[in-house]
Amino acid sequence: MSGRMPRRLVNHRGLLGNQFREHYLALEETYGPFVTVLQKEAAADAAQAHVLKLVATRTWEEAQQARANGRGRRPNARLVVALSKRIALDTGSYTLLVNRLRDLTGKQPTGHGPVDLARHLAGAPR
């Protein structure tokens, strides 16, 4: 783990650690460089929320597949709905944390947002 990234996981060498690191570096490329500790922590919060969102999505997908195709004991419908709500909450948290990071850095992402896509499509010949 690089010295410039805050630690959030017990072990940053596994799959989740790699996803955390990749997303942190992507945030740094988009909004960085991070100068203050507060900016670094906000980026780490957003990267951690991204990892939690991915884990929730995988858990929901596994439960959904087990319910549809599984044999024997399968997850009930309430669990699948609860897991889908978890994804929505994690997505909202991630969005909030990225907005906080954007506010702290004072930078807007370029070329990747829905407004940029709409501008690109509006200017594209048909």
N, C-alpha and C. Protein backbone atom coordinates (compact mmCIF):
# COMPACT_ATOMS: atom_id res chain seq x y z
N MET A 1 0.85 -1.19 0.00
CA MET A 1 0.00 0.00 0.00
C MET A 1 0.88 1.24 0.00
N SER A 2 0.57 2.13 -0.88
CA SER A 2 1.35 3.36 -1.00
C SER A 2 1.21 4.20 0.27
N GLY A 3 2.27 4.92 0.62
CA GLY A 3 2.26 5.75 1.81
C GLY A 3 1.32 6.94 1.72
N ARG A 4 0.90 7.28 0.52
CA ARG A 4 0.05 8.47 0.39
C ARG A 4 -1.43 8.17 0.53
N MET A 5 -1.81 6.90 0.56
CA MET A 5 -3.23 6.55 0.70
C MET A 5 -3.53 6.13 2.13
N PRO A 6 -4.62 6.64 2.69
CA PRO A 6 -5.01 6.19 4.02
C PRO A 6 -5.43 4.71 4.01
N ARG A 7 -5.10 4.01 5.06
CA ARG A 7 -5.47 2.59 5.16
C ARG A 7 -6.91 2.48 5.64
N ARG A 8 -7.67 1.60 5.03
CA ARG A 8 -9.06 1.38 5.41
C ARG A 8 -9.37 -0.07 5.66
N LEU A 9 -8.58 -0.97 5.10
CA LEU A 9 -8.82 -2.40 5.21
C LEU A 9 -7.71 -3.03 6.04
N VAL A 10 -8.00 -4.18 6.63
CA VAL A 10 -6.97 -4.88 7.40
C VAL A 10 -5.87 -5.34 6.46
N ASN A 11 -6.27 -5.88 5.30
CA ASN A 11 -5.31 -6.37 4.32
C ASN A 11 -5.61 -5.71 2.97
N HIS A 12 -4.69 -4.92 2.49
CA HIS A 12 -4.89 -4.22 1.21
C HIS A 12 -4.32 -4.99 0.04
N ARG A 13 -3.92 -6.24 0.25
CA ARG A 13 -3.30 -7.02 -0.83
C ARG A 13 -4.30 -7.88 -1.59
N GLY A 14 -5.49 -8.02 -1.09
CA GLY A 14 -6.49 -8.87 -1.74
C GLY A 14 -7.29 -8.12 -2.79
N LEU A 15 -8.36 -8.76 -3.23
CA LEU A 15 -9.22 -8.19 -4.27
C LEU A 15 -9.82 -6.86 -3.83
N LEU A 16 -10.33 -6.79 -2.62
CA LEU A 16 -10.92 -5.54 -2.13
C LEU A 16 -9.88 -4.44 -2.01
N GLY A 17 -8.69 -4.79 -1.57
CA GLY A 17 -7.62 -3.81 -1.48
C GLY A 17 -7.23 -3.27 -2.84
N ASN A 18 -7.19 -4.15 -3.83
CA ASN A 18 -6.88 -3.71 -5.19
C ASN A 18 -7.96 -2.78 -5.73
N GLN A 19 -9.22 -3.12 -5.48
CA GLN A 19 -10.31 -2.27 -5.94
C GLN A 19 -10.27 -0.91 -5.23
N PHE A 20 -9.98 -0.92 -3.95
CA PHE A 20 -9.86 0.32 -3.19
C PHE A 20 -8.75 1.19 -3.79
N ARG A 21 -7.58 0.59 -4.00
CA ARG A 21 -6.43 1.32 -4.52
C ARG A 21 -6.71 1.87 -5.92
N GLU A 22 -7.27 1.05 -6.80
CA GLU A 22 -7.57 1.49 -8.16
C GLU A 22 -8.55 2.67 -8.15
N HIS A 23 -9.57 2.58 -7.30
CA HIS A 23 -10.55 3.65 -7.28
C HIS A 23 -9.97 4.93 -6.65
N TYR A 24 -9.16 4.78 -5.62
CA TYR A 24 -8.50 5.93 -5.01
C TYR A 24 -7.63 6.64 -6.04
N LEU A 25 -6.86 5.87 -6.79
CA LEU A 25 -5.99 6.47 -7.79
C LEU A 25 -6.79 7.12 -8.92
N ALA A 26 -7.93 6.52 -9.27
CA ALA A 26 -8.80 7.14 -10.29
C ALA A 26 -9.37 8.45 -9.77
N LEU A 27 -9.76 8.48 -8.51
CA LEU A 27 -10.25 9.73 -7.92
C LEU A 27 -9.14 10.77 -7.87
N GLU A 28 -7.94 10.34 -7.56
CA GLU A 28 -6.81 11.27 -7.51
C GLU A 28 -6.50 11.81 -8.90
N GLU A 29 -6.63 10.98 -9.91
CA GLU A 29 -6.40 11.44 -11.28
C GLU A 29 -7.46 12.45 -11.70
N THR A 30 -8.69 12.23 -11.25
CA THR A 30 -9.79 13.11 -11.62
C THR A 30 -9.81 14.39 -10.80
N TYR A 31 -9.63 14.29 -9.49
CA TYR A 31 -9.80 15.44 -8.59
C TYR A 31 -8.50 15.92 -7.95
N GLY A 32 -7.41 15.21 -8.13
CA GLY A 32 -6.18 15.49 -7.42
C GLY A 32 -5.29 16.48 -8.12
N PRO A 33 -4.10 16.66 -7.62
CA PRO A 33 -3.52 15.92 -6.49
C PRO A 33 -4.11 16.37 -5.16
N PHE A 34 -4.14 15.44 -4.23
CA PHE A 34 -4.69 15.74 -2.91
C PHE A 34 -3.57 16.33 -2.05
N VAL A 35 -3.80 17.55 -1.60
CA VAL A 35 -2.78 18.27 -0.86
C VAL A 35 -2.99 18.12 0.64
N THR A 36 -4.22 18.26 1.09
CA THR A 36 -4.48 18.23 2.53
C THR A 36 -4.88 16.83 2.98
N VAL A 37 -4.73 16.61 4.26
CA VAL A 37 -5.15 15.33 4.85
C VAL A 37 -6.65 15.15 4.69
N LEU A 38 -7.40 16.23 4.79
CA LEU A 38 -8.85 16.16 4.64
C LEU A 38 -9.24 15.68 3.23
N GLN A 39 -8.54 16.13 2.21
CA GLN A 39 -8.80 15.68 0.85
C GLN A 39 -8.47 14.19 0.69
N LYS A 40 -7.35 13.77 1.27
CA LYS A 40 -6.95 12.36 1.20
C LYS A 40 -7.98 11.48 1.90
N GLU A 41 -8.45 11.92 3.06
CA GLU A 41 -9.44 11.15 3.80
C GLU A 41 -10.78 11.09 3.05
N ALA A 42 -11.17 12.20 2.43
CA ALA A 42 -12.42 12.22 1.66
C ALA A 42 -12.32 11.28 0.47
N ALA A 43 -11.16 11.24 -0.18
CA ALA A 43 -10.97 10.32 -1.30
C ALA A 43 -10.99 8.87 -0.82
N ALA A 44 -10.39 8.61 0.33
CA ALA A 44 -10.41 7.26 0.89
C ALA A 44 -11.83 6.86 1.28
N ASP A 45 -12.59 7.80 1.82
CA ASP A 45 -14.00 7.51 2.15
C ASP A 45 -14.78 7.12 0.89
N ALA A 46 -14.57 7.87 -0.19
CA ALA A 46 -15.28 7.58 -1.44
C ALA A 46 -14.83 6.24 -2.02
N ALA A 47 -13.53 5.95 -1.97
CA ALA A 47 -13.04 4.67 -2.48
C ALA A 47 -13.58 3.50 -1.65
N GLN A 48 -13.66 3.69 -0.35
CA GLN A 48 -14.22 2.66 0.52
C GLN A 48 -15.71 2.45 0.22
N ALA A 49 -16.43 3.53 0.00
CA ALA A 49 -17.86 3.42 -0.34
C ALA A 49 -18.03 2.69 -1.66
N HIS A 50 -17.12 2.91 -2.59
CA HIS A 50 -17.16 2.21 -3.88
C HIS A 50 -16.99 0.70 -3.66
N VAL A 51 -16.03 0.33 -2.83
CA VAL A 51 -15.80 -1.09 -2.54
C VAL A 51 -17.02 -1.70 -1.84
N LEU A 52 -17.60 -0.98 -0.89
CA LEU A 52 -18.79 -1.48 -0.20
C LEU A 52 -19.96 -1.66 -1.17
N LYS A 53 -20.09 -0.75 -2.12
CA LYS A 53 -21.14 -0.85 -3.13
C LYS A 53 -20.93 -2.08 -4.00
N LEU A 54 -19.67 -2.36 -4.36
CA LEU A 54 -19.38 -3.55 -5.16
C LEU A 54 -19.68 -4.83 -4.40
N VAL A 55 -19.33 -4.85 -3.13
CA VAL A 55 -19.60 -6.03 -2.29
C VAL A 55 -21.10 -6.25 -2.15
N ALA A 56 -21.84 -5.18 -1.94
CA ALA A 56 -23.30 -5.30 -1.81
C ALA A 56 -23.92 -5.80 -3.11
N THR A 57 -23.40 -5.34 -4.23
CA THR A 57 -23.92 -5.77 -5.52
C THR A 57 -23.65 -7.25 -5.75
N ARG A 58 -22.45 -7.70 -5.41
CA ARG A 58 -22.13 -9.13 -5.56
C ARG A 58 -22.99 -9.99 -4.65
N THR A 59 -23.19 -9.54 -3.44
CA THR A 59 -24.01 -10.30 -2.49
C THR A 59 -25.44 -10.40 -2.99
N TRP A 60 -26.00 -9.30 -3.49
CA TRP A 60 -27.35 -9.30 -4.04
C TRP A 60 -27.45 -10.23 -5.25
N GLU A 61 -26.45 -10.15 -6.12
CA GLU A 61 -26.47 -10.99 -7.32
C GLU A 61 -26.41 -12.47 -6.96
N GLU A 62 -25.58 -12.83 -6.00
CA GLU A 62 -25.49 -14.23 -5.57
C GLU A 62 -26.81 -14.70 -4.96
N ALA A 63 -27.42 -13.86 -4.15
CA ALA A 63 -28.71 -14.22 -3.54
C ALA A 63 -29.79 -14.35 -4.61
N GLN A 64 -29.79 -13.43 -5.57
CA GLN A 64 -30.77 -13.47 -6.65
C GLN A 64 -30.62 -14.76 -7.46
N GLN A 65 -29.39 -15.13 -7.80
CA GLN A 65 -29.15 -16.35 -8.56
C GLN A 65 -29.49 -17.59 -7.74
N ALA A 66 -29.14 -17.59 -6.47
CA ALA A 66 -29.46 -18.73 -5.61
C ALA A 66 -30.97 -18.89 -5.48
N ARG A 67 -31.67 -17.79 -5.41
CA ARG A 67 -33.14 -17.86 -5.31
C ARG A 67 -33.75 -18.39 -6.60
N ALA A 68 -33.23 -17.96 -7.73
CA ALA A 68 -33.80 -18.36 -9.02
C ALA A 68 -33.38 -19.77 -9.43
N ASN A 69 -32.14 -20.11 -9.19
CA ASN A 69 -31.60 -21.37 -9.73
C ASN A 69 -31.11 -22.35 -8.68
N GLY A 70 -31.16 -21.97 -7.43
CA GLY A 70 -30.57 -22.80 -6.39
C GLY A 70 -31.39 -24.04 -6.08
N ARG A 71 -30.72 -24.98 -5.44
CA ARG A 71 -31.39 -26.18 -4.98
C ARG A 71 -31.34 -26.17 -3.45
N GLY A 72 -32.31 -26.80 -2.87
CA GLY A 72 -32.34 -26.85 -1.42
C GLY A 72 -32.74 -25.52 -0.82
N ARG A 73 -32.08 -25.18 0.27
CA ARG A 73 -32.42 -23.93 0.96
C ARG A 73 -31.98 -22.72 0.14
N ARG A 74 -32.92 -21.82 -0.13
CA ARG A 74 -32.65 -20.64 -0.94
C ARG A 74 -33.01 -19.38 -0.17
N PRO A 75 -32.40 -18.26 -0.52
CA PRO A 75 -32.74 -17.00 0.16
C PRO A 75 -34.20 -16.62 -0.10
N ASN A 76 -34.85 -16.08 0.91
CA ASN A 76 -36.24 -15.67 0.70
C ASN A 76 -36.30 -14.32 0.00
N ALA A 77 -37.48 -13.96 -0.46
CA ALA A 77 -37.66 -12.73 -1.24
C ALA A 77 -37.32 -11.50 -0.42
N ARG A 78 -37.61 -11.52 0.87
CA ARG A 78 -37.31 -10.36 1.71
C ARG A 78 -35.82 -10.06 1.78
N LEU A 79 -35.01 -11.12 1.81
CA LEU A 79 -33.57 -10.93 1.84
C LEU A 79 -33.08 -10.29 0.55
N VAL A 80 -33.59 -10.74 -0.57
CA VAL A 80 -33.20 -10.19 -1.87
C VAL A 80 -33.59 -8.71 -1.95
N VAL A 81 -34.78 -8.37 -1.47
CA VAL A 81 -35.21 -6.97 -1.46
C VAL A 81 -34.34 -6.14 -0.52
N ALA A 82 -34.02 -6.69 0.65
CA ALA A 82 -33.17 -5.97 1.61
C ALA A 82 -31.78 -5.73 1.01
N LEU A 83 -31.26 -6.70 0.29
CA LEU A 83 -29.95 -6.54 -0.33
C LEU A 83 -29.99 -5.49 -1.45
N SER A 84 -31.09 -5.43 -2.18
CA SER A 84 -31.20 -4.41 -3.22
C SER A 84 -31.30 -3.01 -2.59
N LYS A 85 -31.94 -2.90 -1.45
CA LYS A 85 -31.98 -1.62 -0.73
C LYS A 85 -30.59 -1.24 -0.24
N ARG A 86 -29.80 -2.23 0.17
CA ARG A 86 -28.43 -1.98 0.61
C ARG A 86 -27.62 -1.36 -0.52
N ILE A 87 -27.82 -1.87 -1.74
CA ILE A 87 -27.11 -1.33 -2.90
C ILE A 87 -27.50 0.13 -3.10
N ALA A 88 -28.79 0.42 -3.01
CA ALA A 88 -29.25 1.80 -3.19
C ALA A 88 -28.66 2.72 -2.13
N LEU A 89 -28.61 2.27 -0.90
CA LEU A 89 -28.02 3.09 0.17
C LEU A 89 -26.53 3.31 -0.05
N ASP A 90 -25.82 2.25 -0.45
CA ASP A 90 -24.39 2.37 -0.70
C ASP A 90 -24.11 3.28 -1.89
N THR A 91 -24.96 3.22 -2.91
CA THR A 91 -24.81 4.09 -4.07
C THR A 91 -25.01 5.55 -3.67
N GLY A 92 -26.02 5.80 -2.86
CA GLY A 92 -26.26 7.15 -2.37
C GLY A 92 -25.11 7.67 -1.54
N SER A 93 -24.56 6.81 -0.68
CA SER A 93 -23.41 7.21 0.14
C SER A 93 -22.21 7.54 -0.73
N TYR A 94 -21.98 6.71 -1.74
CA TYR A 94 -20.86 6.94 -2.64
C TYR A 94 -21.00 8.29 -3.36
N THR A 95 -22.19 8.55 -3.87
CA THR A 95 -22.44 9.81 -4.57
C THR A 95 -22.20 11.00 -3.65
N LEU A 96 -22.70 10.91 -2.43
CA LEU A 96 -22.51 11.98 -1.45
C LEU A 96 -21.03 12.21 -1.15
N LEU A 97 -20.28 11.12 -1.01
CA LEU A 97 -18.87 11.24 -0.67
C LEU A 97 -18.04 11.79 -1.85
N VAL A 98 -18.40 11.41 -3.06
CA VAL A 98 -17.69 11.97 -4.22
C VAL A 98 -17.99 13.46 -4.35
N ASN A 99 -19.25 13.84 -4.09
CA ASN A 99 -19.59 15.27 -4.12
C ASN A 99 -18.82 16.04 -3.06
N ARG A 100 -18.65 15.44 -1.89
CA ARG A 100 -17.88 16.07 -0.81
C ARG A 100 -16.42 16.25 -1.24
N LEU A 101 -15.87 15.22 -1.86
CA LEU A 101 -14.49 15.31 -2.35
C LEU A 101 -14.38 16.41 -3.41
N ARG A 102 -15.33 16.47 -4.31
CA ARG A 102 -15.33 17.50 -5.35
C ARG A 102 -15.36 18.89 -4.71
N ASP A 103 -16.18 19.05 -3.69
CA ASP A 103 -16.27 20.35 -3.00
C ASP A 103 -14.96 20.70 -2.30
N LEU A 104 -14.31 19.71 -1.70
CA LEU A 104 -13.05 19.96 -1.00
C LEU A 104 -11.91 20.31 -1.96
N THR A 105 -11.91 19.71 -3.12
CA THR A 105 -10.83 19.97 -4.07
C THR A 105 -11.14 21.17 -4.95
N GLY A 106 -12.42 21.49 -5.10
CA GLY A 106 -12.81 22.61 -5.95
C GLY A 106 -12.67 22.31 -7.43
N LYS A 107 -12.59 21.01 -7.77
CA LYS A 107 -12.41 20.63 -9.17
C LYS A 107 -13.64 19.88 -9.67
N GLN A 108 -13.91 20.08 -10.94
CA GLN A 108 -15.00 19.35 -11.60
C GLN A 108 -14.38 18.30 -12.51
N PRO A 109 -14.97 17.11 -12.56
CA PRO A 109 -14.44 16.12 -13.50
C PRO A 109 -14.70 16.59 -14.93
N THR A 110 -13.80 16.27 -15.82
CA THR A 110 -13.95 16.72 -17.20
C THR A 110 -14.16 15.53 -18.12
N GLY A 111 -15.18 15.65 -18.95
CA GLY A 111 -15.40 14.67 -19.99
C GLY A 111 -16.02 13.36 -19.58
N HIS A 112 -16.45 13.21 -18.32
CA HIS A 112 -16.95 11.93 -17.88
C HIS A 112 -18.38 11.97 -17.34
N GLY A 113 -18.92 13.15 -17.12
CA GLY A 113 -20.23 13.25 -16.48
C GLY A 113 -21.37 13.23 -17.48
N PRO A 114 -22.59 13.13 -16.98
CA PRO A 114 -23.75 13.10 -17.88
C PRO A 114 -23.94 14.40 -18.66
N VAL A 115 -23.56 15.53 -18.07
CA VAL A 115 -23.69 16.79 -18.79
C VAL A 115 -22.71 16.81 -19.97
N ASP A 116 -21.48 16.32 -19.74
CA ASP A 116 -20.50 16.27 -20.82
C ASP A 116 -20.96 15.32 -21.93
N LEU A 117 -21.56 14.21 -21.55
CA LEU A 117 -22.07 13.27 -22.54
C LEU A 117 -23.20 13.90 -23.35
N ALA A 118 -24.10 14.62 -22.67
CA ALA A 118 -25.20 15.28 -23.37
C ALA A 118 -24.68 16.33 -24.34
N ARG A 119 -23.67 17.09 -23.92
CA ARG A 119 -23.07 18.09 -24.82
C ARG A 119 -22.43 17.43 -26.03
N HIS A 120 -21.76 16.33 -25.78
CA HIS A 120 -21.11 15.60 -26.87
C HIS A 120 -22.14 15.08 -27.86
N LEU A 121 -23.22 14.50 -27.34
CA LEU A 121 -24.25 13.95 -28.21
C LEU A 121 -24.99 15.04 -28.97
N ALA A 122 -25.20 16.18 -28.32
CA ALA A 122 -25.90 17.28 -28.99
C ALA A 122 -25.06 17.85 -30.13
N GLY A 123 -23.76 17.83 -29.99
CA GLY A 123 -22.90 18.37 -31.04
C GLY A 123 -22.53 17.36 -32.10
N ALA A 124 -22.85 16.10 -31.85
CA ALA A 124 -22.48 15.05 -32.82
C ALA A 124 -23.43 15.06 -34.01
N PRO A 125 -22.87 14.92 -35.23
CA PRO A 125 -23.75 14.86 -36.40
C PRO A 125 -24.54 13.56 -36.43
N ARG A 126 -25.76 13.65 -36.97
CA ARG A 126 -26.60 12.44 -37.03
C ARG A 126 -26.50 11.77 -38.34
